[in-house]
Amino acid sequence: MGKNKIVVQFNAENQSDLDRLFQIEETLFQAFSQCYDGVVDGHDIGQGKFNIFITPSSTWGPVLERVKAYLKLRGALSDAVIAKFHGKTERYEVIHPASHSGSFAL
């Protein structure tokens, strides 16, 4: 059984996208280094997607609020898909954007 995680996913089509996405990851890393409600656990890149993984230390709410606030601050919230990975069921639940339809995959 896996741990609960939050996955922040972006399209990554070219090198300029990657540079921006590494900066976003660093922003989230800094955001969570100042509090104890979550930890940025790194990223992966594949199939045109860039995924940032965050492990919550307690409940989902504070972590999701912090992620959304910092993505908005960086002007990246509208480009992101944010999903919760439920460790017990090993299923993803997309929570942003509300209009997302279809499945979620890394």
PDB file of N, CA and C in Angstrom:
ATOM      1  N   MET A   1       0.838  -1.182   0.000  1.00  0.00           N
ATOM      2  CA  MET A   1       0.000   0.000   0.000  1.00  0.00           C
ATOM      3  C   MET A   1       0.881   1.244   0.000  1.00  0.00           C
ATOM      4  N   GLY A   2       0.536   2.200  -0.852  1.00  0.00           N
ATOM      5  CA  GLY A   2       1.317   3.424  -0.963  1.00  0.00           C
ATOM      6  C   GLY A   2       0.892   4.478   0.039  1.00  0.00           C
ATOM      7  N   LYS A   3       1.637   5.552   0.054  1.00  0.00           N
ATOM      8  CA  LYS A   3       1.320   6.696   0.904  1.00  0.00           C
ATOM      9  C   LYS A   3       0.419   7.652   0.138  1.00  0.00           C
ATOM     10  N   ASN A   4      -0.360   8.421   0.890  1.00  0.00           N
ATOM     11  CA  ASN A   4      -1.117   9.493   0.260  1.00  0.00           C
ATOM     12  C   ASN A   4      -0.137  10.499  -0.333  1.00  0.00           C
ATOM     13  N   LYS A   5      -0.477  11.007  -1.509  1.00  0.00           N
ATOM     14  CA  LYS A   5       0.361  12.006  -2.178  1.00  0.00           C
ATOM     15  C   LYS A   5      -0.532  12.991  -2.911  1.00  0.00           C
ATOM     16  N   ILE A   6       0.034  14.138  -3.176  1.00  0.00           N
ATOM     17  CA  ILE A   6      -0.575  15.095  -4.086  1.00  0.00           C
ATOM     18  C   ILE A   6       0.345  15.166  -5.286  1.00  0.00           C
ATOM     19  N   VAL A   7      -0.252  15.104  -6.476  1.00  0.00           N
ATOM     20  CA  VAL A   7       0.519  15.199  -7.709  1.00  0.00           C
ATOM     21  C   VAL A   7       0.086  16.469  -8.430  1.00  0.00           C
ATOM     22  N   VAL A   8       1.070  17.302  -8.733  1.00  0.00           N
ATOM     23  CA  VAL A   8       0.827  18.513  -9.519  1.00  0.00           C
ATOM     24  C   VAL A   8       1.416  18.235 -10.890  1.00  0.00           C
ATOM     25  N   GLN A   9       0.554  18.224 -11.915  1.00  0.00           N
ATOM     26  CA  GLN A   9       0.975  17.807 -13.251  1.00  0.00           C
ATOM     27  C   GLN A   9       0.854  18.959 -14.241  1.00  0.00           C
ATOM     28  N   PHE A  10       1.884  19.071 -15.086  1.00  0.00           N
ATOM     29  CA  PHE A  10       1.910  20.071 -16.159  1.00  0.00           C
ATOM     30  C   PHE A  10       2.283  19.383 -17.464  1.00  0.00           C
ATOM     31  N   ASN A  11       1.863  19.961 -18.578  1.00  0.00           N
ATOM     32  CA  ASN A  11       2.361  19.520 -19.874  1.00  0.00           C
ATOM     33  C   ASN A  11       3.799  19.992 -20.006  1.00  0.00           C
ATOM     34  N   ALA A  12       4.647  19.160 -20.557  1.00  0.00           N
ATOM     35  CA  ALA A  12       6.061  19.494 -20.757  1.00  0.00           C
ATOM     36  C   ALA A  12       6.437  19.082 -22.167  1.00  0.00           C
ATOM     37  N   GLU A  13       6.321  20.003 -23.066  1.00  0.00           N
ATOM     38  CA  GLU A  13       6.543  19.698 -24.479  1.00  0.00           C
ATOM     39  C   GLU A  13       7.970  19.987 -24.939  1.00  0.00           C
ATOM     40  N   ASN A  14       8.614  21.004 -24.340  1.00  0.00           N
ATOM     41  CA  ASN A  14       9.944  21.374 -24.818  1.00  0.00           C
ATOM     42  C   ASN A  14      10.826  21.866 -23.669  1.00  0.00           C
ATOM     43  N   GLN A  15      12.082  22.165 -23.979  1.00  0.00           N
ATOM     44  CA  GLN A  15      13.053  22.539 -22.945  1.00  0.00           C
ATOM     45  C   GLN A  15      12.640  23.796 -22.187  1.00  0.00           C
ATOM     46  N   SER A  16      12.051  24.781 -22.869  1.00  0.00           N
ATOM     47  CA  SER A  16      11.656  26.006 -22.161  1.00  0.00           C
ATOM     48  C   SER A  16      10.557  25.706 -21.142  1.00  0.00           C
ATOM     49  N   ASP A  17       9.688  24.744 -21.447  1.00  0.00           N
ATOM     50  CA  ASP A  17       8.691  24.315 -20.462  1.00  0.00           C
ATOM     51  C   ASP A  17       9.387  23.746 -19.231  1.00  0.00           C
ATOM     52  N   LEU A  18      10.393  22.918 -19.454  1.00  0.00           N
ATOM     53  CA  LEU A  18      11.086  22.261 -18.340  1.00  0.00           C
ATOM     54  C   LEU A  18      11.760  23.275 -17.423  1.00  0.00           C
ATOM     55  N   ASP A  19      12.394  24.277 -17.987  1.00  0.00           N
ATOM     56  CA  ASP A  19      13.041  25.301 -17.164  1.00  0.00           C
ATOM     57  C   ASP A  19      12.027  25.968 -16.242  1.00  0.00           C
ATOM     58  N   ARG A  20      10.878  26.326 -16.785  1.00  0.00           N
ATOM     59  CA  ARG A  20       9.817  26.950 -15.996  1.00  0.00           C
ATOM     60  C   ARG A  20       9.297  25.987 -14.926  1.00  0.00           C
ATOM     61  N   LEU A  21       9.139  24.726 -15.275  1.00  0.00           N
ATOM     62  CA  LEU A  21       8.593  23.743 -14.338  1.00  0.00           C
ATOM     63  C   LEU A  21       9.559  23.452 -13.189  1.00  0.00           C
ATOM     64  N   PHE A  22      10.851  23.453 -13.470  1.00  0.00           N
ATOM     65  CA  PHE A  22      11.822  23.295 -12.384  1.00  0.00           C
ATOM     66  C   PHE A  22      11.747  24.490 -11.427  1.00  0.00           C
ATOM     67  N   GLN A  23      11.498  25.678 -11.958  1.00  0.00           N
ATOM     68  CA  GLN A  23      11.334  26.858 -11.104  1.00  0.00           C
ATOM     69  C   GLN A  23      10.084  26.745 -10.246  1.00  0.00           C
ATOM     70  N   ILE A  24       9.008  26.229 -10.822  1.00  0.00           N
ATOM     71  CA  ILE A  24       7.769  26.024 -10.055  1.00  0.00           C
ATOM     72  C   ILE A  24       8.004  25.000  -8.949  1.00  0.00           C
ATOM     73  N   GLU A  25       8.696  23.915  -9.279  1.00  0.00           N
ATOM     74  CA  GLU A  25       8.999  22.911  -8.257  1.00  0.00           C
ATOM     75  C   GLU A  25       9.814  23.530  -7.117  1.00  0.00           C
ATOM     76  N   GLU A  26      10.784  24.358  -7.459  1.00  0.00           N
ATOM     77  CA  GLU A  26      11.604  25.007  -6.430  1.00  0.00           C
ATOM     78  C   GLU A  26      10.756  25.937  -5.557  1.00  0.00           C
ATOM     79  N   THR A  27       9.800  26.643  -6.174  1.00  0.00           N
ATOM     80  CA  THR A  27       8.891  27.492  -5.412  1.00  0.00           C
ATOM     81  C   THR A  27       8.094  26.662  -4.411  1.00  0.00           C
ATOM     82  N   LEU A  28       7.572  25.517  -4.844  1.00  0.00           N
ATOM     83  CA  LEU A  28       6.811  24.651  -3.934  1.00  0.00           C
ATOM     84  C   LEU A  28       7.722  24.080  -2.847  1.00  0.00           C
ATOM     85  N   PHE A  29       8.933  23.721  -3.207  1.00  0.00           N
ATOM     86  CA  PHE A  29       9.880  23.221  -2.212  1.00  0.00           C
ATOM     87  C   PHE A  29      10.100  24.274  -1.126  1.00  0.00           C
ATOM     88  N   GLN A  30      10.313  25.512  -1.544  1.00  0.00           N
ATOM     89  CA  GLN A  30      10.514  26.605  -0.582  1.00  0.00           C
ATOM     90  C   GLN A  30       9.258  26.824   0.263  1.00  0.00           C
ATOM     91  N   ALA A  31       8.091  26.735  -0.352  1.00  0.00           N
ATOM     92  CA  ALA A  31       6.832  26.934   0.373  1.00  0.00           C
ATOM     93  C   ALA A  31       6.674  25.910   1.495  1.00  0.00           C
ATOM     94  N   PHE A  32       7.030  24.667   1.223  1.00  0.00           N
ATOM     95  CA  PHE A  32       6.855  23.627   2.231  1.00  0.00           C
ATOM     96  C   PHE A  32       8.037  23.530   3.188  1.00  0.00           C
ATOM     97  N   SER A  33       9.159  24.153   2.868  1.00  0.00           N
ATOM     98  CA  SER A  33      10.280  24.156   3.811  1.00  0.00           C
ATOM     99  C   SER A  33      10.006  25.122   4.960  1.00  0.00           C
ATOM    100  N   GLN A  34       9.007  25.994   4.790  1.00  0.00           N
ATOM    101  CA  GLN A  34       8.659  26.976   5.811  1.00  0.00           C
ATOM    102  C   GLN A  34       7.529  26.503   6.720  1.00  0.00           C
ATOM    103  N   CYS A  35       6.997  25.332   6.473  1.00  0.00           N
ATOM    104  CA  CYS A  35       5.898  24.807   7.286  1.00  0.00           C
ATOM    105  C   CYS A  35       6.066  23.296   7.391  1.00  0.00           C
ATOM    106  N   TYR A  36       5.191  22.665   8.140  1.00  0.00           N
ATOM    107  CA  TYR A  36       5.348  21.232   8.361  1.00  0.00           C
ATOM    108  C   TYR A  36       4.120  20.429   7.935  1.00  0.00           C
ATOM    109  N   ASP A  37       3.305  20.974   7.020  1.00  0.00           N
ATOM    110  CA  ASP A  37       2.104  20.241   6.612  1.00  0.00           C
ATOM    111  C   ASP A  37       2.321  19.383   5.370  1.00  0.00           C
ATOM    112  N   GLY A  38       3.511  19.417   4.792  1.00  0.00           N
ATOM    113  CA  GLY A  38       3.800  18.588   3.639  1.00  0.00           C
ATOM    114  C   GLY A  38       5.262  18.668   3.239  1.00  0.00           C
ATOM    115  N   VAL A  39       5.668  17.737   2.368  1.00  0.00           N
ATOM    116  CA  VAL A  39       7.049  17.675   1.891  1.00  0.00           C
ATOM    117  C   VAL A  39       7.025  17.453   0.386  1.00  0.00           C
ATOM    118  N   VAL A  40       7.790  18.267  -0.352  1.00  0.00           N
ATOM    119  CA  VAL A  40       7.941  18.037  -1.787  1.00  0.00           C
ATOM    120  C   VAL A  40       8.915  16.878  -1.955  1.00  0.00           C
ATOM    121  N   ASP A  41       8.433  15.810  -2.608  1.00  0.00           N
ATOM    122  CA  ASP A  41       9.195  14.565  -2.740  1.00  0.00           C
ATOM    123  C   ASP A  41       9.845  14.386  -4.099  1.00  0.00           C
ATOM    124  N   GLY A  42       9.960  15.451  -4.869  1.00  0.00           N
ATOM    125  CA  GLY A  42      10.614  15.328  -6.157  1.00  0.00           C
ATOM    126  C   GLY A  42       9.640  15.348  -7.316  1.00  0.00           C
ATOM    127  N   HIS A  43      10.124  14.889  -8.476  1.00  0.00           N
ATOM    128  CA  HIS A  43       9.335  14.968  -9.712  1.00  0.00           C
ATOM    129  C   HIS A  43       9.684  13.800 -10.622  1.00  0.00           C
ATOM    130  N   ASP A  44       8.876  13.664 -11.657  1.00  0.00           N
ATOM    131  CA  ASP A  44       9.252  12.797 -12.766  1.00  0.00           C
ATOM    132  C   ASP A  44       8.766  13.440 -14.054  1.00  0.00           C
ATOM    133  N   ILE A  45       9.408  13.024 -15.126  1.00  0.00           N
ATOM    134  CA  ILE A  45       9.099  13.579 -16.443  1.00  0.00           C
ATOM    135  C   ILE A  45       8.906  12.400 -17.384  1.00  0.00           C
ATOM    136  N   GLY A  46       7.804  12.414 -18.143  1.00  0.00           N
ATOM    137  CA  GLY A  46       7.581  11.347 -19.103  1.00  0.00           C
ATOM    138  C   GLY A  46       6.300  11.543 -19.862  1.00  0.00           C
ATOM    139  N   GLN A  47       6.283  11.088 -21.081  1.00  0.00           N
ATOM    140  CA  GLN A  47       5.108  11.144 -21.943  1.00  0.00           C
ATOM    141  C   GLN A  47       4.525  12.547 -22.024  1.00  0.00           C
ATOM    142  N   GLY A  48       5.416  13.538 -22.115  1.00  0.00           N
ATOM    143  CA  GLY A  48       4.984  14.918 -22.267  1.00  0.00           C
ATOM    144  C   GLY A  48       4.399  15.531 -21.010  1.00  0.00           C
ATOM    145  N   LYS A  49       4.633  14.915 -19.854  1.00  0.00           N
ATOM    146  CA  LYS A  49       4.102  15.406 -18.578  1.00  0.00           C
ATOM    147  C   LYS A  49       5.236  15.623 -17.590  1.00  0.00           C
ATOM    148  N   PHE A  50       5.069  16.617 -16.730  1.00  0.00           N
ATOM    149  CA  PHE A  50       5.990  16.900 -15.629  1.00  0.00           C
ATOM    150  C   PHE A  50       5.161  16.804 -14.361  1.00  0.00           C
ATOM    151  N   ASN A  51       5.528  15.894 -13.471  1.00  0.00           N
ATOM    152  CA  ASN A  51       4.772  15.649 -12.245  1.00  0.00           C
ATOM    153  C   ASN A  51       5.612  16.027 -11.037  1.00  0.00           C
ATOM    154  N   ILE A  52       5.025  16.802 -10.126  1.00  0.00           N
ATOM    155  CA  ILE A  52       5.661  17.149  -8.865  1.00  0.00           C
ATOM    156  C   ILE A  52       4.892  16.410  -7.774  1.00  0.00           C
ATOM    157  N   PHE A  53       5.618  15.709  -6.897  1.00  0.00           N
ATOM    158  CA  PHE A  53       4.991  14.897  -5.853  1.00  0.00           C
ATOM    159  C   PHE A  53       5.144  15.568  -4.493  1.00  0.00           C
ATOM    160  N   ILE A  54       4.045  15.626  -3.764  1.00  0.00           N
ATOM    161  CA  ILE A  54       4.036  16.219  -2.431  1.00  0.00           C
ATOM    162  C   ILE A  54       3.368  15.229  -1.484  1.00  0.00           C
ATOM    163  N   THR A  55       4.029  14.942  -0.370  1.00  0.00           N
ATOM    164  CA  THR A  55       3.467  14.054   0.640  1.00  0.00           C
ATOM    165  C   THR A  55       2.931  14.897   1.790  1.00  0.00           C
ATOM    166  N   PRO A  56       1.614  14.819   2.048  1.00  0.00           N
ATOM    167  CA  PRO A  56       1.063  15.574   3.181  1.00  0.00           C
ATOM    168  C   PRO A  56       1.494  14.953   4.505  1.00  0.00           C
ATOM    169  N   SER A  57       1.729  15.807   5.502  1.00  0.00           N
ATOM    170  CA  SER A  57       2.098  15.326   6.835  1.00  0.00           C
ATOM    171  C   SER A  57       0.874  15.036   7.682  1.00  0.00           C
ATOM    172  N   SER A  58      -0.252  15.663   7.331  1.00  0.00           N
ATOM    173  CA  SER A  58      -1.488  15.403   8.077  1.00  0.00           C
ATOM    174  C   SER A  58      -2.658  15.381   7.098  1.00  0.00           C
ATOM    175  N   THR A  59      -3.575  16.285   7.229  1.00  0.00           N
ATOM    176  CA  THR A  59      -4.762  16.290   6.365  1.00  0.00           C
ATOM    177  C   THR A  59      -4.461  16.944   5.019  1.00  0.00           C
ATOM    178  N   TRP A  60      -5.339  16.669   4.056  1.00  0.00           N
ATOM    179  CA  TRP A  60      -5.169  17.193   2.693  1.00  0.00           C
ATOM    180  C   TRP A  60      -5.311  18.716   2.627  1.00  0.00           C
ATOM    181  N   GLY A  61      -6.273  19.260   3.364  1.00  0.00           N
ATOM    182  CA  GLY A  61      -6.686  20.656   3.215  1.00  0.00           C
ATOM    183  C   GLY A  61      -5.570  21.683   3.216  1.00  0.00           C
ATOM    184  N   PRO A  62      -4.748  21.755   4.272  1.00  0.00           N
ATOM    185  CA  PRO A  62      -3.700  22.780   4.303  1.00  0.00           C
ATOM    186  C   PRO A  62      -2.687  22.642   3.169  1.00  0.00           C
ATOM    187  N   VAL A  63      -2.388  21.416   2.799  1.00  0.00           N
ATOM    188  CA  VAL A  63      -1.415  21.186   1.732  1.00  0.00           C
ATOM    189  C   VAL A  63      -1.975  21.657   0.397  1.00  0.00           C
ATOM    190  N   LEU A  64      -3.218  21.300   0.117  1.00  0.00           N
ATOM    191  CA  LEU A  64      -3.840  21.715  -1.145  1.00  0.00           C
ATOM    192  C   LEU A  64      -3.959  23.231  -1.224  1.00  0.00           C
ATOM    193  N   GLU A  65      -4.319  23.875  -0.119  1.00  0.00           N
ATOM    194  CA  GLU A  65      -4.426  25.339  -0.114  1.00  0.00           C
ATOM    195  C   GLU A  65      -3.075  25.983  -0.393  1.00  0.00           C
ATOM    196  N   ARG A  66      -2.021  25.455   0.213  1.00  0.00           N
ATOM    197  CA  ARG A  66      -0.675  26.003   0.002  1.00  0.00           C
ATOM    198  C   ARG A  66      -0.247  25.794  -1.452  1.00  0.00           C
ATOM    199  N   VAL A  67      -0.490  24.607  -1.997  1.00  0.00           N
ATOM    200  CA  VAL A  67      -0.125  24.332  -3.393  1.00  0.00           C
ATOM    201  C   VAL A  67      -0.838  25.309  -4.318  1.00  0.00           C
ATOM    202  N   LYS A  68      -2.140  25.449  -4.158  1.00  0.00           N
ATOM    203  CA  LYS A  68      -2.903  26.351  -5.031  1.00  0.00           C
ATOM    204  C   LYS A  68      -2.433  27.793  -4.901  1.00  0.00           C
ATOM    205  N   ALA A  69      -2.178  28.239  -3.670  1.00  0.00           N
ATOM    206  CA  ALA A  69      -1.744  29.620  -3.456  1.00  0.00           C
ATOM    207  C   ALA A  69      -0.408  29.898  -4.134  1.00  0.00           C
ATOM    208  N   TYR A  70       0.540  28.980  -3.999  1.00  0.00           N
ATOM    209  CA  TYR A  70       1.855  29.211  -4.595  1.00  0.00           C
ATOM    210  C   TYR A  70       1.834  29.060  -6.112  1.00  0.00           C
ATOM    211  N   LEU A  71       1.012  28.159  -6.627  1.00  0.00           N
ATOM    212  CA  LEU A  71       0.881  28.067  -8.089  1.00  0.00           C
ATOM    213  C   LEU A  71       0.243  29.327  -8.644  1.00  0.00           C
ATOM    214  N   LYS A  72      -0.739  29.851  -7.942  1.00  0.00           N
ATOM    215  CA  LYS A  72      -1.379  31.095  -8.375  1.00  0.00           C
ATOM    216  C   LYS A  72      -0.369  32.239  -8.355  1.00  0.00           C
ATOM    217  N   LEU A  73       0.435  32.304  -7.315  1.00  0.00           N
ATOM    218  CA  LEU A  73       1.472  33.324  -7.181  1.00  0.00           C
ATOM    219  C   LEU A  73       2.455  33.267  -8.356  1.00  0.00           C
ATOM    220  N   ARG A  74       2.782  32.057  -8.816  1.00  0.00           N
ATOM    221  CA  ARG A  74       3.708  31.876  -9.945  1.00  0.00           C
ATOM    222  C   ARG A  74       3.008  31.987 -11.299  1.00  0.00           C
ATOM    223  N   GLY A  75       1.692  32.211 -11.312  1.00  0.00           N
ATOM    224  CA  GLY A  75       0.960  32.294 -12.569  1.00  0.00           C
ATOM    225  C   GLY A  75       0.810  30.953 -13.251  1.00  0.00           C
ATOM    226  N   ALA A  76       0.841  29.859 -12.466  1.00  0.00           N
ATOM    227  CA  ALA A  76       0.839  28.517 -13.047  1.00  0.00           C
ATOM    228  C   ALA A  76      -0.390  27.699 -12.694  1.00  0.00           C
ATOM    229  N   LEU A  77      -1.287  28.222 -11.872  1.00  0.00           N
ATOM    230  CA  LEU A  77      -2.434  27.430 -11.435  1.00  0.00           C
ATOM    231  C   LEU A  77      -3.318  27.012 -12.606  1.00  0.00           C
ATOM    232  N   SER A  78      -3.507  27.902 -13.564  1.00  0.00           N
ATOM    233  CA  SER A  78      -4.393  27.574 -14.694  1.00  0.00           C
ATOM    234  C   SER A  78      -3.803  26.500 -15.605  1.00  0.00           C
ATOM    235  N   ASP A  79      -2.491  26.274 -15.531  1.00  0.00           N
ATOM    236  CA  ASP A  79      -1.828  25.252 -16.357  1.00  0.00           C
ATOM    237  C   ASP A  79      -1.720  23.900 -15.657  1.00  0.00           C
ATOM    238  N   ALA A  80      -2.069  23.856 -14.372  1.00  0.00           N
ATOM    239  CA  ALA A  80      -1.832  22.657 -13.567  1.00  0.00           C
ATOM    240  C   ALA A  80      -3.062  21.770 -13.462  1.00  0.00           C
ATOM    241  N   VAL A  81      -2.803  20.480 -13.375  1.00  0.00           N
ATOM    242  CA  VAL A  81      -3.807  19.509 -12.949  1.00  0.00           C
ATOM    243  C   VAL A  81      -3.308  18.998 -11.603  1.00  0.00           C
ATOM    244  N   ILE A  82      -4.153  19.076 -10.586  1.00  0.00           N
ATOM    245  CA  ILE A  82      -3.779  18.648  -9.247  1.00  0.00           C
ATOM    246  C   ILE A  82      -4.636  17.450  -8.870  1.00  0.00           C
ATOM    247  N   ALA A  83      -3.970  16.386  -8.455  1.00  0.00           N
ATOM    248  CA  ALA A  83      -4.680  15.159  -8.092  1.00  0.00           C
ATOM    249  C   ALA A  83      -4.207  14.657  -6.735  1.00  0.00           C
ATOM    250  N   LYS A  84      -5.136  14.050  -6.015  1.00  0.00           N
ATOM    251  CA  LYS A  84      -4.795  13.345  -4.786  1.00  0.00           C
ATOM    252  C   LYS A  84      -4.599  11.882  -5.148  1.00  0.00           C
ATOM    253  N   PHE A  85      -3.546  11.278  -4.626  1.00  0.00           N
ATOM    254  CA  PHE A  85      -3.341   9.840  -4.755  1.00  0.00           C
ATOM    255  C   PHE A  85      -3.668   9.245  -3.397  1.00  0.00           C
ATOM    256  N   HIS A  86      -4.707   8.418  -3.374  1.00  0.00           N
ATOM    257  CA  HIS A  86      -5.140   7.778  -2.134  1.00  0.00           C
ATOM    258  C   HIS A  86      -4.356   6.481  -1.966  1.00  0.00           C
ATOM    259  N   GLY A  87      -3.460   6.457  -0.982  1.00  0.00           N
ATOM    260  CA  GLY A  87      -2.589   5.305  -0.780  1.00  0.00           C
ATOM    261  C   GLY A  87      -3.327   4.007  -0.505  1.00  0.00           C
ATOM    262  N   LYS A  88      -4.430   4.081   0.254  1.00  0.00           N
ATOM    263  CA  LYS A  88      -5.153   2.853   0.600  1.00  0.00           C
ATOM    264  C   LYS A  88      -5.783   2.190  -0.612  1.00  0.00           C
ATOM    265  N   THR A  89      -6.355   2.995  -1.507  1.00  0.00           N
ATOM    266  CA  THR A  89      -7.031   2.436  -2.681  1.00  0.00           C
ATOM    267  C   THR A  89      -6.158   2.489  -3.935  1.00  0.00           C
ATOM    268  N   GLU A  90      -5.035   3.217  -3.851  1.00  0.00           N
ATOM    269  CA  GLU A  90      -4.139   3.424  -4.982  1.00  0.00           C
ATOM    270  C   GLU A  90      -4.866   4.001  -6.188  1.00  0.00           C
ATOM    271  N   ARG A  91      -5.722   4.972  -5.918  1.00  0.00           N
ATOM    272  CA  ARG A  91      -6.479   5.654  -6.970  1.00  0.00           C
ATOM    273  C   ARG A  91      -6.204   7.155  -6.927  1.00  0.00           C
ATOM    274  N   TYR A  92      -6.319   7.763  -8.103  1.00  0.00           N
ATOM    275  CA  TYR A  92      -6.162   9.218  -8.226  1.00  0.00           C
ATOM    276  C   TYR A  92      -7.523   9.882  -8.226  1.00  0.00           C
ATOM    277  N   GLU A  93      -7.577  11.059  -7.618  1.00  0.00           N
ATOM    278  CA  GLU A  93      -8.786  11.887  -7.623  1.00  0.00           C
ATOM    279  C   GLU A  93      -8.368  13.299  -8.032  1.00  0.00           C
ATOM    280  N   VAL A  94      -8.781  13.742  -9.211  1.00  0.00           N
ATOM    281  CA  VAL A  94      -8.435  15.091  -9.668  1.00  0.00           C
ATOM    282  C   VAL A  94      -9.278  16.093  -8.890  1.00  0.00           C
ATOM    283  N   ILE A  95      -8.604  17.078  -8.302  1.00  0.00           N
ATOM    284  CA  ILE A  95      -9.327  18.097  -7.552  1.00  0.00           C
ATOM    285  C   ILE A  95      -9.212  19.487  -8.187  1.00  0.00           C
ATOM    286  N   HIS A  96      -8.318  19.633  -9.155  1.00  0.00           N
ATOM    287  CA  HIS A  96      -8.199  20.900  -9.896  1.00  0.00           C
ATOM    288  C   HIS A  96      -7.704  20.578 -11.294  1.00  0.00           C
ATOM    289  N   PRO A  97      -8.284  21.157 -12.300  1.00  0.00           N
ATOM    290  CA  PRO A  97      -9.433  22.061 -12.289  1.00  0.00           C
ATOM    291  C   PRO A  97     -10.748  21.289 -12.092  1.00  0.00           C
ATOM    292  N   ALA A  98     -11.734  21.996 -11.635  1.00  0.00           N
ATOM    293  CA  ALA A  98     -13.047  21.375 -11.399  1.00  0.00           C
ATOM    294  C   ALA A  98     -13.633  20.824 -12.697  1.00  0.00           C
ATOM    295  N   SER A  99     -13.251  21.405 -13.821  1.00  0.00           N
ATOM    296  CA  SER A  99     -13.790  21.005 -15.123  1.00  0.00           C
ATOM    297  C   SER A  99     -13.085  19.786 -15.708  1.00  0.00           C
ATOM    298  N   HIS A 100     -12.077  19.250 -15.020  1.00  0.00           N
ATOM    299  CA  HIS A 100     -11.313  18.110 -15.567  1.00  0.00           C
ATOM    300  C   HIS A 100     -12.249  16.899 -15.753  1.00  0.00           C
ATOM    301  N   SER A 101     -12.120  16.279 -16.898  1.00  0.00           N
ATOM    302  CA  SER A 101     -12.886  15.057 -17.149  1.00  0.00           C
ATOM    303  C   SER A 101     -11.941  13.994 -17.660  1.00  0.00           C
ATOM    304  N   GLY A 102     -12.320  12.767 -17.513  1.00  0.00           N
ATOM    305  CA  GLY A 102     -11.459  11.674 -17.952  1.00  0.00           C
ATOM    306  C   GLY A 102     -10.567  11.191 -16.834  1.00  0.00           C
ATOM    307  N   SER A 103      -9.676  10.310 -17.170  1.00  0.00           N
ATOM    308  CA  SER A 103      -8.817   9.716 -16.153  1.00  0.00           C
ATOM    309  C   SER A 103      -7.553  10.545 -15.948  1.00  0.00           C
ATOM    310  N   PHE A 104      -6.824  10.192 -14.927  1.00  0.00           N
ATOM    311  CA  PHE A 104      -5.563  10.845 -14.617  1.00  0.00           C
ATOM    312  C   PHE A 104      -4.482   9.776 -14.602  1.00  0.00           C
ATOM    313  N   ALA A 105      -3.378  10.049 -15.247  1.00  0.00           N
ATOM    314  CA  ALA A 105      -2.251   9.103 -15.269  1.00  0.00           C
ATOM    315  C   ALA A 105      -0.953   9.873 -15.210  1.00  0.00           C
ATOM    316  N   LEU A 106       0.039   9.234 -14.638  1.00  0.00           N
ATOM    317  CA  LEU A 106       1.377   9.851 -14.593  1.00  0.00           C
ATOM    318  C   LEU A 106       2.004   9.706 -15.911  1.00  0.00           C
TER     319      LEU A 106
END
